[in-house]
Amino acid sequence: MIPSSAPAFVAGPPPRHFALRIALLFSAPLIVNGFAMPYFPVWLSSLSLSDFEIGIVLAVPMFVRVITAPLAGVLADRIGERTIVLIWSGILSFAGAVVLFYAQSFWPVLVIYTLQSAVYSPYVPIVEAIALSGVRRWGFDYAQMRVWGSVAFIGATMLGGWLIGVVGGQMVLPAMAAGFALTILLAVAAPRVGRPRRPSPITAITEPPPQSLRQADLQLLLVGVTLVNSSHAMLFAFSAIYWQHIGYSGTQIGILWSAGVSAEVLMFFLARAIVRRFSVWTMIFSGCLLAVVRWLIFPMDLGFSGYFVLQCFHAFTYAIMHTGMQHKLVERVAEEQEASAQGLYFFYTGIFTAIFTFLSGYFYAWFGVDGFYSMSAVALSGCLFTFLGWYLQPQRLASGGKTSEAS
């Protein structure tokens, strides 16, 4: 959530059609993600990989991305024009997608997919950084540019669901390769904004966090919210496999995934009005608690309509909680420390999601859909850390347990 009250720094006219080019630039990687997130596990399953192996293939690249994305961000910030790294990220990602066509067993898939994830990891953060340069320098509306990425994700998810129903899991790699080819084309067409005046959030991970971010209550809050975020790991890894197993068509799976993203987008559009009416802590706690409920309900026999409604919980278990977390960071962290705050948020989310994606392979193999109860336990632990963060707020302790945000 980008505060609109901050004055834009104007430095000459913006690049031509800046907002349109950024909207398209967001769309390309999210088309890739729209094919990969729901359906790449289905392709892995079609290779007869076990649930353990699927969990490992999905988790290891997440650990690697936490390292490679900041390093690529440092390079992009220093060479003077971020789009150069963007173009090379697209080219190398496309090459990795092509090589994946020749991988048919666990170890080749693990190695190639990990390398591809490493080179792809900086793409979206660098697009975010270029977009934020436009917000700061020329006052562009971030949400109006970013939303088209979500629209592209929904379209790719729906198209992927239809294709998987027609040709099966073999459609995944060609679709991903086409998406990566698009990332190259749009990176070449990306607006050039020159050397950044502030570091990218992922770059800031390479620096020690400032003192304000080391406060116990804020650290506990970051851990709590990112644990709740990471409780989605089994959904991302095994929901499409499970829904396919119980007989849902590819189109139905696409609809279920699109429902979650659509609810998320709608919540982001409503976020400004919600922030005016409810406290930040209400937003955060509602997301935490509904995540616990979401994973408790998921193993039940809900039917298609039930899962559709449950997928709409994503508006709370991610969107509204994430918005509340961003407002809390804006409130507690100085503007010049913004990149460090976002970098730490990225780091915790990446590490925890990687851990629980790895473990979800074991839980799903042992318990099937009942493994989702473990994600409820993860979300509950996130709730507890978040509550401790609220309880230990400096202003709350100083006022004898009362704060304006607690009301």
Protein backbone atom coordinates (compact mmCIF):
# COMPACT_ATOMS: atom_id res chain seq x y z
CA MET A 1 0.00 0.00 0.00
CA ILE A 2 1.64 3.24 -1.14
CA PRO A 3 0.63 6.31 0.86
CA SER A 4 -0.86 8.83 -1.54
CA SER A 5 -0.14 11.78 0.73
CA ALA A 6 3.59 11.75 0.01
CA PRO A 7 4.51 14.50 -2.45
CA ALA A 8 5.94 13.30 -5.72
CA PHE A 9 9.46 14.37 -6.64
CA VAL A 10 9.22 15.83 -10.15
CA ALA A 11 12.35 15.56 -12.30
CA GLY A 12 11.50 16.50 -15.86
CA PRO A 13 8.75 14.86 -17.88
CA PRO A 14 8.09 11.16 -17.37
CA PRO A 15 8.89 8.61 -20.09
CA ARG A 16 6.19 8.43 -22.74
CA HIS A 17 3.18 6.23 -21.85
CA PHE A 18 4.84 5.42 -18.52
CA ALA A 19 1.71 4.08 -16.77
CA LEU A 20 0.69 1.89 -19.73
CA ARG A 21 4.20 0.43 -20.10
CA ILE A 22 4.42 -0.34 -16.38
CA ALA A 23 0.97 -1.96 -16.41
CA LEU A 24 2.10 -4.22 -19.27
CA LEU A 25 5.39 -4.85 -17.48
CA PHE A 26 3.51 -6.08 -14.40
CA SER A 27 1.30 -8.27 -16.59
CA ALA A 28 4.08 -10.34 -18.18
CA PRO A 29 5.56 -11.98 -15.03
CA LEU A 30 2.12 -12.44 -13.53
CA ILE A 31 1.02 -14.31 -16.64
CA VAL A 32 3.94 -16.65 -15.92
CA ASN A 33 2.85 -16.92 -12.29
CA GLY A 34 -0.75 -17.49 -13.33
CA PHE A 35 0.34 -20.60 -15.21
CA ALA A 36 3.06 -21.73 -12.80
CA MET A 37 1.56 -21.29 -9.33
CA PRO A 38 -1.55 -23.44 -9.76
CA TYR A 39 -0.37 -25.85 -12.46
CA PHE A 40 3.39 -26.40 -12.19
CA PRO A 41 2.73 -28.87 -9.32
CA VAL A 42 0.30 -30.68 -11.65
CA TRP A 43 3.10 -31.02 -14.24
CA LEU A 44 5.42 -32.33 -11.54
CA SER A 45 2.78 -34.87 -10.56
CA SER A 46 2.50 -35.95 -14.21
CA LEU A 47 6.19 -36.94 -14.05
CA SER A 48 5.25 -39.38 -11.27
CA LEU A 49 7.21 -37.42 -8.67
CA SER A 50 6.15 -38.22 -5.11
CA ASP A 51 4.53 -35.64 -2.85
CA PHE A 52 7.83 -35.40 -0.92
CA GLU A 53 9.72 -34.66 -4.14
CA ILE A 54 7.14 -32.10 -5.29
CA GLY A 55 7.50 -30.29 -1.96
CA ILE A 56 11.28 -30.22 -2.33
CA VAL A 57 11.19 -29.00 -5.96
CA LEU A 58 8.86 -26.15 -4.96
CA ALA A 59 10.68 -25.25 -1.71
CA VAL A 60 14.37 -25.22 -2.65
CA PRO A 61 14.00 -22.41 -5.22
CA MET A 62 12.26 -20.30 -2.57
CA PHE A 63 15.33 -20.51 -0.33
CA VAL A 64 17.54 -19.60 -3.29
CA ARG A 65 15.38 -16.61 -4.27
CA VAL A 66 15.83 -15.04 -0.84
CA ILE A 67 19.57 -14.89 -1.63
CA THR A 68 19.60 -14.16 -5.36
CA ALA A 69 16.88 -11.48 -5.50
CA PRO A 70 18.75 -9.06 -3.16
CA LEU A 71 22.04 -9.61 -4.99
CA ALA A 72 20.40 -8.89 -8.35
CA GLY A 73 18.73 -5.87 -6.77
CA VAL A 74 22.11 -4.50 -5.67
CA LEU A 75 23.41 -4.96 -9.22
CA ALA A 76 20.33 -3.29 -10.73
CA ASP A 77 20.63 -0.32 -8.35
CA ARG A 78 24.34 0.19 -9.11
CA ILE A 79 24.58 -0.16 -12.88
CA GLY A 80 22.44 2.92 -13.46
CA GLU A 81 19.56 1.41 -15.43
CA ARG A 82 17.46 -1.33 -13.84
CA THR A 83 15.94 -2.51 -17.11
CA ILE A 84 19.26 -4.09 -18.12
CA VAL A 85 18.94 -6.61 -15.31
CA LEU A 86 15.26 -6.97 -16.19
CA ILE A 87 16.08 -7.96 -19.78
CA TRP A 88 18.72 -10.50 -18.72
CA SER A 89 16.36 -11.95 -16.11
CA GLY A 90 13.76 -12.55 -18.82
CA ILE A 91 16.27 -14.06 -21.26
CA LEU A 92 17.79 -16.47 -18.74
CA SER A 93 14.35 -17.43 -17.38
CA PHE A 94 13.16 -18.25 -20.89
CA ALA A 95 16.30 -20.36 -21.44
CA GLY A 96 15.58 -22.24 -18.21
CA ALA A 97 11.99 -22.91 -19.33
CA VAL A 98 13.27 -24.37 -22.60
CA VAL A 99 15.78 -26.63 -20.84
CA LEU A 100 13.01 -27.89 -18.53
CA PHE A 101 11.39 -29.58 -21.55
CA TYR A 102 14.23 -32.12 -21.43
CA ALA A 103 13.99 -32.83 -17.67
CA GLN A 104 11.92 -35.89 -16.81
CA SER A 105 13.10 -36.95 -13.35
CA PHE A 106 13.53 -35.47 -9.89
CA TRP A 107 17.17 -34.33 -9.86
CA PRO A 108 17.28 -32.66 -13.30
CA VAL A 109 13.96 -30.91 -12.59
CA LEU A 110 15.17 -29.74 -9.16
CA VAL A 111 18.47 -28.34 -10.47
CA ILE A 112 17.05 -26.65 -13.58
CA TYR A 113 13.99 -25.20 -11.85
CA THR A 114 16.15 -23.87 -9.01
CA LEU A 115 18.51 -22.15 -11.46
CA GLN A 116 15.58 -20.73 -13.40
CA SER A 117 14.01 -19.42 -10.19
CA ALA A 118 17.30 -17.80 -9.22
CA VAL A 119 17.50 -15.76 -12.44
CA TYR A 120 13.76 -14.99 -12.44
CA SER A 121 13.69 -13.88 -8.78
CA PRO A 122 14.53 -10.18 -9.33
CA TYR A 123 12.05 -9.57 -12.16
CA VAL A 124 8.92 -8.58 -10.22
CA PRO A 125 10.82 -6.64 -7.48
CA ILE A 126 12.65 -4.61 -10.14
CA VAL A 127 9.36 -3.86 -11.91
CA GLU A 128 8.03 -2.73 -8.52
CA ALA A 129 11.09 -0.50 -8.07
CA ILE A 130 10.64 1.14 -11.49
CA ALA A 131 6.94 1.67 -10.78
CA LEU A 132 7.70 3.28 -7.40
CA SER A 133 10.19 5.62 -9.09
CA GLY A 134 7.25 6.81 -11.20
CA VAL A 135 5.09 7.23 -8.10
CA ARG A 136 7.74 9.29 -6.29
CA ARG A 137 8.97 11.41 -9.22
CA TRP A 138 5.80 12.04 -11.24
CA GLY A 139 2.91 11.10 -8.96
CA PHE A 140 1.60 8.08 -10.88
CA ASP A 141 -1.04 5.93 -9.16
CA TYR A 142 0.62 2.67 -8.12
CA ALA A 143 -2.62 0.72 -7.69
CA GLN A 144 -3.88 1.62 -11.18
CA MET A 145 -0.67 0.23 -12.69
CA ARG A 146 -0.33 -2.84 -10.45
CA VAL A 147 -3.93 -4.03 -10.78
CA TRP A 148 -3.38 -5.04 -14.41
CA GLY A 149 -0.86 -7.60 -13.24
CA SER A 150 -3.58 -9.20 -11.13
CA VAL A 151 -5.98 -9.12 -14.08
CA ALA A 152 -3.33 -10.85 -16.20
CA PHE A 153 -2.84 -13.46 -13.46
CA ILE A 154 -6.56 -14.22 -13.41
CA GLY A 155 -6.68 -14.50 -17.21
CA ALA A 156 -3.67 -16.84 -17.29
CA THR A 157 -5.13 -18.97 -14.50
CA MET A 158 -8.45 -19.34 -16.33
CA LEU A 159 -6.74 -20.08 -19.66
CA GLY A 160 -4.43 -22.57 -17.94
CA GLY A 161 -7.38 -24.34 -16.35
CA TRP A 162 -9.09 -24.72 -19.71
CA LEU A 163 -5.86 -25.95 -21.36
CA ILE A 164 -5.14 -28.45 -18.61
CA GLY A 165 -8.62 -29.87 -19.12
CA VAL A 166 -7.95 -30.23 -22.86
CA VAL A 167 -4.33 -31.43 -23.02
CA GLY A 168 -3.43 -32.17 -19.39
CA GLY A 169 -0.32 -31.20 -17.45
CA GLN A 170 1.80 -31.11 -20.60
CA MET A 171 0.47 -27.63 -21.34
CA VAL A 172 2.33 -26.11 -18.37
CA LEU A 173 5.85 -25.78 -19.78
CA PRO A 174 4.82 -24.32 -23.19
CA ALA A 175 2.57 -21.82 -21.41
CA MET A 176 5.35 -20.80 -19.02
CA ALA A 177 7.86 -20.50 -21.87
CA ALA A 178 5.46 -18.23 -23.79
CA GLY A 179 5.06 -16.10 -20.66
CA PHE A 180 8.84 -15.81 -20.23
CA ALA A 181 9.19 -14.77 -23.90
CA LEU A 182 6.70 -12.00 -23.15
CA THR A 183 8.79 -10.86 -20.16
CA ILE A 184 11.73 -10.31 -22.52
CA LEU A 185 9.71 -8.26 -25.01
CA LEU A 186 8.17 -6.05 -22.36
CA ALA A 187 11.49 -5.62 -20.53
CA VAL A 188 12.95 -4.26 -23.76
CA ALA A 189 9.98 -1.85 -23.98
CA ALA A 190 10.19 -0.87 -20.29
CA PRO A 191 10.53 2.84 -19.45
CA ARG A 192 14.06 3.97 -18.60
CA VAL A 193 14.16 6.03 -15.41
CA GLY A 194 17.92 6.12 -14.82
CA ARG A 195 19.81 5.57 -11.60
CA PRO A 196 17.49 5.16 -8.60
CA ARG A 197 17.48 7.76 -5.83
CA ARG A 198 16.58 5.10 -3.27
CA PRO A 199 17.54 1.42 -3.07
CA SER A 200 15.09 -1.30 -4.02
CA PRO A 201 13.43 -3.04 -1.04
CA ILE A 202 15.12 -6.34 -1.92
CA THR A 203 18.50 -4.56 -2.03
CA ALA A 204 18.01 -3.41 1.55
CA ILE A 205 18.15 -7.03 2.79
CA THR A 206 21.93 -6.91 2.28
CA GLU A 207 22.21 -4.14 4.91
CA PRO A 208 21.67 -4.46 8.68
CA PRO A 209 18.14 -3.34 9.62
CA PRO A 210 17.89 0.14 11.18
CA GLN A 211 17.28 0.49 14.90
CA SER A 212 13.55 1.14 14.52
CA LEU A 213 13.10 -2.24 12.82
CA ARG A 214 14.88 -4.05 15.66
CA GLN A 215 12.25 -3.20 18.24
CA ALA A 216 10.79 -6.36 19.76
CA ASP A 217 7.14 -5.54 19.08
CA LEU A 218 7.74 -4.79 15.40
CA GLN A 219 9.86 -7.90 14.94
CA LEU A 220 7.15 -10.03 16.54
CA LEU A 221 4.53 -8.44 14.31
CA LEU A 222 6.60 -9.08 11.17
CA VAL A 223 7.15 -12.70 12.20
CA GLY A 224 3.47 -13.17 13.00
CA VAL A 225 2.12 -11.72 9.75
CA THR A 226 4.66 -13.56 7.60
CA LEU A 227 3.89 -16.84 9.37
CA VAL A 228 0.23 -16.35 8.43
CA ASN A 229 1.32 -15.57 4.87
CA SER A 230 3.39 -18.77 4.80
CA SER A 231 0.41 -20.85 5.94
CA HIS A 232 -0.77 -20.57 2.32
CA ALA A 233 2.16 -22.82 1.28
CA MET A 234 0.16 -26.05 1.04
CA LEU A 235 -2.60 -24.30 -0.92
CA PHE A 236 -0.06 -23.12 -3.51
CA ALA A 237 1.68 -26.50 -3.68
CA PHE A 238 -1.14 -29.04 -3.55
CA SER A 239 -4.59 -27.47 -3.99
CA ALA A 240 -4.70 -28.00 -7.78
CA ILE A 241 -3.46 -31.58 -7.37
CA TYR A 242 -6.12 -32.25 -4.71
CA TRP A 243 -8.95 -30.63 -6.67
CA GLN A 244 -7.95 -32.58 -9.77
CA HIS A 245 -7.87 -35.77 -7.65
CA ILE A 246 -11.46 -35.28 -6.43
CA GLY A 247 -12.67 -34.78 -9.98
CA TYR A 248 -12.75 -31.05 -10.63
CA SER A 249 -12.11 -30.04 -14.23
CA GLY A 250 -9.27 -27.75 -15.23
CA THR A 251 -11.76 -24.94 -15.80
CA GLN A 252 -13.20 -25.37 -12.30
CA ILE A 253 -9.69 -25.29 -10.79
CA GLY A 254 -8.98 -22.12 -12.75
CA ILE A 255 -12.19 -20.56 -11.42
CA LEU A 256 -11.25 -21.42 -7.84
CA TRP A 257 -7.81 -19.87 -8.18
CA SER A 258 -9.25 -16.83 -9.94
CA ALA A 259 -11.82 -16.38 -7.16
CA GLY A 260 -9.05 -15.93 -4.58
CA VAL A 261 -7.14 -13.40 -6.68
CA SER A 262 -10.31 -11.52 -7.66
CA ALA A 263 -11.30 -11.22 -4.00
CA GLU A 264 -7.78 -9.97 -3.23
CA VAL A 265 -7.97 -7.33 -5.98
CA LEU A 266 -11.41 -6.16 -4.81
CA MET A 267 -10.13 -5.83 -1.26
CA PHE A 268 -7.17 -3.75 -2.39
CA PHE A 269 -9.56 -1.42 -4.25
CA LEU A 270 -11.64 -1.06 -1.06
CA ALA A 271 -8.61 -0.75 1.22
CA ARG A 272 -8.65 3.04 1.48
CA ALA A 273 -12.26 3.10 2.69
CA ILE A 274 -11.61 0.19 5.07
CA VAL A 275 -8.60 1.94 6.61
CA ARG A 276 -10.77 4.97 7.35
CA ARG A 277 -13.38 2.86 9.12
CA PHE A 278 -11.37 0.18 10.95
CA SER A 279 -8.14 0.23 12.93
CA VAL A 280 -4.98 -1.27 11.49
CA TRP A 281 -4.96 -3.89 14.24
CA THR A 282 -8.52 -4.94 13.37
CA MET A 283 -7.40 -5.49 9.79
CA ILE A 284 -4.36 -7.52 10.82
CA PHE A 285 -6.12 -9.66 13.43
CA SER A 286 -9.09 -10.38 11.15
CA GLY A 287 -6.70 -11.79 8.53
CA CYS A 288 -4.81 -13.86 11.11
CA LEU A 289 -7.91 -15.41 12.67
CA LEU A 290 -9.66 -16.13 9.37
CA ALA A 291 -6.52 -17.90 8.14
CA VAL A 292 -6.83 -20.31 11.08
CA VAL A 293 -10.49 -20.88 10.18
CA ARG A 294 -9.72 -21.22 6.45
CA TRP A 295 -7.31 -24.14 6.89
CA LEU A 296 -9.54 -25.83 9.48
CA ILE A 297 -12.41 -25.82 6.98
CA PHE A 298 -10.41 -26.74 3.87
CA PRO A 299 -10.25 -30.55 4.50
CA MET A 300 -14.05 -30.77 4.82
CA ASP A 301 -16.19 -31.98 1.91
CA LEU A 302 -17.28 -28.53 0.78
CA GLY A 303 -18.25 -29.05 -2.84
CA PHE A 304 -17.32 -26.61 -5.57
CA SER A 305 -19.42 -23.70 -4.24
CA GLY A 306 -17.99 -24.19 -0.76
CA TYR A 307 -14.42 -24.04 -2.02
CA PHE A 308 -15.32 -20.98 -4.10
CA VAL A 309 -16.47 -19.14 -0.97
CA LEU A 310 -13.43 -20.37 0.96
CA GLN A 311 -11.10 -19.09 -1.75
CA CYS A 312 -12.67 -15.66 -1.34
CA PHE A 313 -11.27 -15.69 2.23
CA HIS A 314 -8.02 -14.71 0.50
CA ALA A 315 -9.30 -11.13 0.61
CA PHE A 316 -8.75 -11.31 4.38
CA THR A 317 -6.04 -13.94 4.91
CA TYR A 318 -3.73 -12.00 2.61
CA ALA A 319 -5.02 -8.70 1.18
CA ILE A 320 -6.48 -6.94 4.22
CA MET A 321 -3.78 -8.27 6.56
CA HIS A 322 -1.03 -7.20 4.14
CA THR A 323 -2.59 -3.74 3.83
CA GLY A 324 -2.72 -3.41 7.61
CA MET A 325 0.92 -4.51 7.88
CA GLN A 326 1.99 -1.92 5.31
CA HIS A 327 0.19 0.84 7.18
CA LYS A 328 1.84 -0.24 10.41
CA LEU A 329 5.27 -0.10 8.75
CA VAL A 330 4.53 3.38 7.39
CA GLU A 331 3.45 4.44 10.88
CA ARG A 332 6.45 3.00 12.72
CA VAL A 333 9.33 3.30 10.23
CA ALA A 334 10.80 6.52 8.84
CA GLU A 335 10.49 7.10 5.09
CA GLU A 336 14.22 6.77 4.52
CA GLN A 337 14.04 3.28 6.11
CA GLU A 338 11.15 2.17 3.88
CA ALA A 339 13.34 -0.06 1.70
CA SER A 340 14.80 -1.82 4.74
CA ALA A 341 11.32 -2.48 6.14
CA GLN A 342 10.04 -3.92 2.86
CA GLY A 343 13.23 -5.95 2.45
CA LEU A 344 12.81 -7.51 5.89
CA TYR A 345 9.17 -8.27 5.10
CA PHE A 346 10.26 -9.97 1.85
CA PHE A 347 12.96 -11.94 3.71
CA TYR A 348 10.67 -13.32 6.43
CA THR A 349 7.93 -14.17 3.94
CA GLY A 350 10.38 -15.97 1.64
CA ILE A 351 12.07 -18.00 4.37
CA PHE A 352 8.88 -19.09 6.14
CA THR A 353 7.08 -19.91 2.89
CA ALA A 354 10.04 -22.01 1.75
CA ILE A 355 10.12 -23.91 5.04
CA PHE A 356 6.42 -24.71 5.05
CA THR A 357 6.33 -25.53 1.35
CA PHE A 358 9.05 -28.10 2.04
CA LEU A 359 7.14 -29.50 5.04
CA SER A 360 3.83 -29.49 3.16
CA GLY A 361 5.20 -32.19 0.87
CA TYR A 362 5.57 -34.46 3.89
CA PHE A 363 2.25 -33.47 5.45
CA TYR A 364 0.33 -34.01 2.19
CA ALA A 365 2.06 -37.36 1.60
CA TRP A 366 1.26 -38.56 5.11
CA PHE A 367 -2.22 -37.13 5.66
CA GLY A 368 -3.57 -36.09 2.26
CA VAL A 369 -5.99 -33.18 2.46
CA ASP A 370 -6.00 -33.45 6.27
CA GLY A 371 -2.48 -32.04 6.08
CA PHE A 372 -4.13 -28.63 5.78
CA TYR A 373 -4.76 -28.79 9.52
CA SER A 374 -1.02 -28.25 9.93
CA MET A 375 -1.36 -24.95 8.06
CA SER A 376 -4.02 -23.94 10.57
CA ALA A 377 -1.44 -24.54 13.31
CA VAL A 378 1.05 -22.36 11.42
CA ALA A 379 -1.54 -19.57 11.12
CA LEU A 380 -2.36 -19.90 14.82
CA SER A 381 1.30 -19.49 15.73
CA GLY A 382 1.31 -16.38 13.55
CA CYS A 383 -1.71 -15.08 15.48
CA LEU A 384 0.16 -15.57 18.77
CA PHE A 385 3.26 -13.71 17.55
CA THR A 386 1.03 -10.91 16.23
CA PHE A 387 -0.78 -10.64 19.56
CA LEU A 388 2.56 -10.40 21.37
CA GLY A 389 3.58 -7.63 18.97
CA TRP A 390 0.39 -5.74 19.79
CA TYR A 391 0.80 -6.34 23.53
CA LEU A 392 4.43 -5.11 23.61
CA GLN A 393 3.88 -1.86 21.71
CA PRO A 394 5.94 0.85 23.45
CA GLN A 395 3.06 3.34 23.49
CA ARG A 396 0.71 0.67 24.85
CA LEU A 397 3.01 -0.23 27.74
CA ALA A 398 3.65 3.44 28.49
CA SER A 399 -0.08 4.18 28.69
CA GLY A 400 -0.89 1.33 31.04
CA GLY A 401 -2.26 -0.95 28.34
CA LYS A 402 -4.38 1.53 26.38
CA THR A 403 -3.73 2.74 22.87
CA SER A 404 -5.85 4.43 20.27
CA GLU A 405 -5.19 1.55 17.89
CA ALA A 406 -6.50 -1.02 20.32
CA SER A 407 -9.96 0.48 20.24
